Amino acid sequence: MSTFGDGLDKAVQKAFTRPTPKSAGAQMRYLVKQYKGTKAVAQMLRISQRTVERYVKDQIKKPRPDLAARLEREVKARWQPQIRAKAREKAASTGGIVIDTRARLGYIAPIGSTDEDRIRHLTVALPPRHAARLFDAQAQGASDDRLREIAAEALKETYFQDGGHRAGSLEEVHFTDIEHLEFDL
């Protein structure tokens, strides 16, 4: 499970203008339309082509839990790609992104500062350049650790250094033990 990747996806999904298909048949028909055939959908979902056809015709209505989860995840990943792209572009160019987290945060700083890690609950609006870095890294397939590093750098600059107004000698921010993480556009 990717904490940061899933969080960014959920933030973008809030921009959807229409709800995703709910029934298994509707979800399967949507995927068949996207993949232009039942064979490709069957391979992607790791089920038989005949099973896909039966869902499309509403002969099967209730998928087993693991298939239902895969089906919903695949539909959400492909739903409204233009809306998704516009939301990312807006966040990366003008809107920025809000990060709400409860995690252990600390930093490396010169001797004499209170740099010990502690649990903090932060809600911080990150400028568009940080949103762009997060979305670009996610699009390039960055690991969750890399996305965490980018978020830590953004928090360092935005929260701890207040855009250069304080803590100028701060070197590195530690962002660990994440209890809660949510993004919003």
Foldseek 3Di string as FASTA:
>chain_A
DQPLLVQLLVQLLVQDPDDFDDWQLSLLVVVCVVVVHLVVVCVQLVHDSVVSVCSVVVVDTDDDPVSSVSSVVVRSVPPPPVSSVVVLVCCQPPQPKKKWWWFWKFFDFDPPDPGDTDTDTDIFGFHNNLSNVLVVCVVVPHGSVVSVQSVQVRCCCCPVCVNPVDPVRIDGMDTDDTPDIHMHD
